[in-house]
C-alpha atoms as a PDB file:
ATOM      1  CA  UNK A   1      -5.609 -42.680  22.791  1.00  0.00           C
ATOM      2  CA  UNK A   2      -4.192 -44.798  25.573  1.00  0.00           C
ATOM      3  CA  UNK A   3      -6.630 -47.179  27.824  1.00  0.00           C
ATOM      4  CA  UNK A   4      -6.849 -46.622  31.468  1.00  0.00           C
ATOM      5  CA  UNK A   5      -4.923 -49.620  32.517  1.00  0.00           C
ATOM      6  CA  UNK A   6      -2.007 -48.560  30.513  1.00  0.00           C
ATOM      7  CA  UNK A   7      -0.981 -46.130  32.788  1.00  0.00           C
ATOM      8  CA  UNK A   8       2.156 -45.616  34.368  1.00  0.00           C
ATOM      9  CA  UNK A   9       1.921 -43.193  36.701  1.00  0.00           C
ATOM     10  CA  UNK A  10      -1.774 -41.286  38.897  1.00  0.00           C
ATOM     11  CA  UNK A  11      -1.492 -37.824  37.219  1.00  0.00           C
ATOM     12  CA  UNK A  12      -1.465 -39.699  33.844  1.00  0.00           C
ATOM     13  CA  UNK A  13      -4.222 -41.870  34.741  1.00  0.00           C
ATOM     14  CA  UNK A  14      -6.159 -38.999  35.934  1.00  0.00           C
ATOM     15  CA  UNK A  15      -6.134 -36.685  32.390  1.00  0.00           C
ATOM     16  CA  UNK A  16      -6.464 -39.449  30.094  1.00  0.00           C
ATOM     17  CA  UNK A  17      -9.794 -41.026  32.555  1.00  0.00           C
ATOM     18  CA  UNK A  18     -13.591 -40.337  30.731  1.00  0.00           C
ATOM     19  CA  UNK A  19     -11.806 -37.592  28.512  1.00  0.00           C
ATOM     20  CA  UNK A  20     -14.429 -38.310  25.436  1.00  0.00           C
ATOM     21  CA  UNK A  21     -17.196 -37.660  27.773  1.00  0.00           C
ATOM     22  CA  UNK A  22     -15.537 -34.645  29.030  1.00  0.00           C
ATOM     23  CA  UNK A  23     -14.455 -33.084  25.865  1.00  0.00           C
ATOM     24  CA  UNK A  24     -18.024 -33.776  24.643  1.00  0.00           C
ATOM     25  CA  UNK A  25     -19.476 -32.101  27.772  1.00  0.00           C
ATOM     26  CA  UNK A  26     -17.099 -28.761  27.373  1.00  0.00           C
ATOM     27  CA  UNK A  27     -18.006 -28.348  23.726  1.00  0.00           C
ATOM     28  CA  UNK A  28     -21.686 -29.386  23.541  1.00  0.00           C
ATOM     29  CA  UNK A  29     -23.076 -28.226  26.800  1.00  0.00           C
ATOM     30  CA  UNK A  30     -20.734 -25.750  28.479  1.00  0.00           C
ATOM     31  CA  UNK A  31     -19.646 -23.708  25.924  1.00  0.00           C
ATOM     32  CA  UNK A  32     -22.847 -23.534  24.291  1.00  0.00           C
ATOM     33  CA  UNK A  33     -24.323 -21.325  27.600  1.00  0.00           C
ATOM     34  CA  UNK A  34     -21.606 -19.140  27.971  1.00  0.00           C
ATOM     35  CA  UNK A  35     -22.335 -15.665  27.687  1.00  0.00           C
ATOM     36  CA  UNK A  36     -20.165 -14.658  24.999  1.00  0.00           C
ATOM     37  CA  UNK A  37     -20.164 -10.983  26.039  1.00  0.00           C
ATOM     38  CA  UNK A  38     -18.874 -11.380  29.193  1.00  0.00           C
ATOM     39  CA  UNK A  39     -14.700 -10.762  29.991  1.00  0.00           C
ATOM     40  CA  UNK A  40     -13.228 -14.411  28.989  1.00  0.00           C
ATOM     41  CA  UNK A  41     -11.858 -14.693  32.536  1.00  0.00           C
ATOM     42  CA  UNK A  42     -15.101 -14.115  34.358  1.00  0.00           C
ATOM     43  CA  UNK A  43     -16.415 -17.338  35.909  1.00  0.00           C
ATOM     44  CA  UNK A  44     -19.791 -18.489  34.638  1.00  0.00           C
ATOM     45  CA  UNK A  45     -21.861 -20.411  37.292  1.00  0.00           C
ATOM     46  CA  UNK A  46     -25.114 -20.998  35.365  1.00  0.00           C
ATOM     47  CA  UNK A  47     -22.820 -22.919  32.452  1.00  0.00           C
ATOM     48  CA  UNK A  48     -20.666 -24.758  34.733  1.00  0.00           C
ATOM     49  CA  UNK A  49     -23.467 -25.956  36.925  1.00  0.00           C
ATOM     50  CA  UNK A  50     -25.505 -27.285  34.033  1.00  0.00           C
ATOM     51  CA  UNK A  51     -22.637 -28.820  32.598  1.00  0.00           C
ATOM     52  CA  UNK A  52     -22.956 -30.972  35.961  1.00  0.00           C
ATOM     53  CA  UNK A  53     -26.281 -31.744  36.048  1.00  0.00           C
ATOM     54  CA  UNK A  54     -26.228 -33.158  32.693  1.00  0.00           C
ATOM     55  CA  UNK A  55     -22.997 -35.175  33.858  1.00  0.00           C
ATOM     56  CA  UNK A  56     -25.089 -36.497  36.680  1.00  0.00           C
ATOM     57  CA  UNK A  57     -27.825 -37.239  34.029  1.00  0.00           C
ATOM     58  CA  UNK A  58     -25.851 -38.599  31.720  1.00  0.00           C
ATOM     59  CA  UNK A  59     -24.663 -41.361  34.487  1.00  0.00           C
ATOM     60  CA  UNK A  60     -27.854 -42.435  35.648  1.00  0.00           C
ATOM     61  CA  UNK A  61     -30.893 -41.155  37.107  1.00  0.00           C
ATOM     62  CA  UNK A  62     -30.136 -41.583  40.697  1.00  0.00           C
ATOM     63  CA  UNK A  63     -30.245 -39.000  43.783  1.00  0.00           C
ATOM     64  CA  UNK A  64     -26.567 -40.287  44.586  1.00  0.00           C
ATOM     65  CA  UNK A  65     -25.458 -39.505  41.388  1.00  0.00           C
ATOM     66  CA  UNK A  66     -27.051 -36.016  41.437  1.00  0.00           C
ATOM     67  CA  UNK A  67     -25.541 -34.832  44.993  1.00  0.00           C
ATOM     68  CA  UNK A  68     -22.046 -36.828  44.048  1.00  0.00           C
ATOM     69  CA  UNK A  69     -22.022 -34.378  40.878  1.00  0.00           C
ATOM     70  CA  UNK A  70     -23.498 -31.383  42.230  1.00  0.00           C
ATOM     71  CA  UNK A  71     -20.903 -31.329  44.987  1.00  0.00           C
ATOM     72  CA  UNK A  72     -17.913 -31.890  41.939  1.00  0.00           C
ATOM     73  CA  UNK A  73     -19.530 -28.238  40.942  1.00  0.00           C
ATOM     74  CA  UNK A  74     -19.216 -26.514  44.127  1.00  0.00           C
ATOM     75  CA  UNK A  75     -16.295 -27.892  44.831  1.00  0.00           C
ATOM     76  CA  UNK A  76     -14.850 -26.712  41.422  1.00  0.00           C
ATOM     77  CA  UNK A  77     -16.474 -23.673  42.065  1.00  0.00           C
ATOM     78  CA  UNK A  78     -14.979 -23.142  45.228  1.00  0.00           C
ATOM     79  CA  UNK A  79     -11.570 -24.088  44.024  1.00  0.00           C
ATOM     80  CA  UNK A  80     -11.671 -21.020  41.260  1.00  0.00           C
ATOM     81  CA  UNK A  81     -12.652 -18.627  43.876  1.00  0.00           C
ATOM     82  CA  UNK A  82      -9.967 -19.439  45.987  1.00  0.00           C
ATOM     83  CA  UNK A  83      -7.092 -19.375  43.281  1.00  0.00           C
ATOM     84  CA  UNK A  84      -8.421 -15.679  43.228  1.00  0.00           C
ATOM     85  CA  UNK A  85      -7.878 -15.397  47.085  1.00  0.00           C
ATOM     86  CA  UNK A  86      -4.700 -13.754  48.153  1.00  0.00           C
ATOM     87  CA  UNK A  87      -3.086 -15.285  51.364  1.00  0.00           C
ATOM     88  CA  UNK A  88      -1.430 -13.195  53.772  1.00  0.00           C
END
């Protein structure tokens, strides 16, 4: 993996930033909480929210971290909802 400081574009830096923690949270927290009986394209808010809470706890037990990461979870939920909304 390339270091964050050696990226040539902003997009590349964002995709490589903190990827190990992201993958750990995805495979060891979120996917284990997913309800496998539901369709794959159905969004499950519970596992996503718990994953953001675990990420906040991982970064530190500060109120600001919890507010920030819960905000990220709400933004992620809103973005996924807006992708399904048709704009005239």
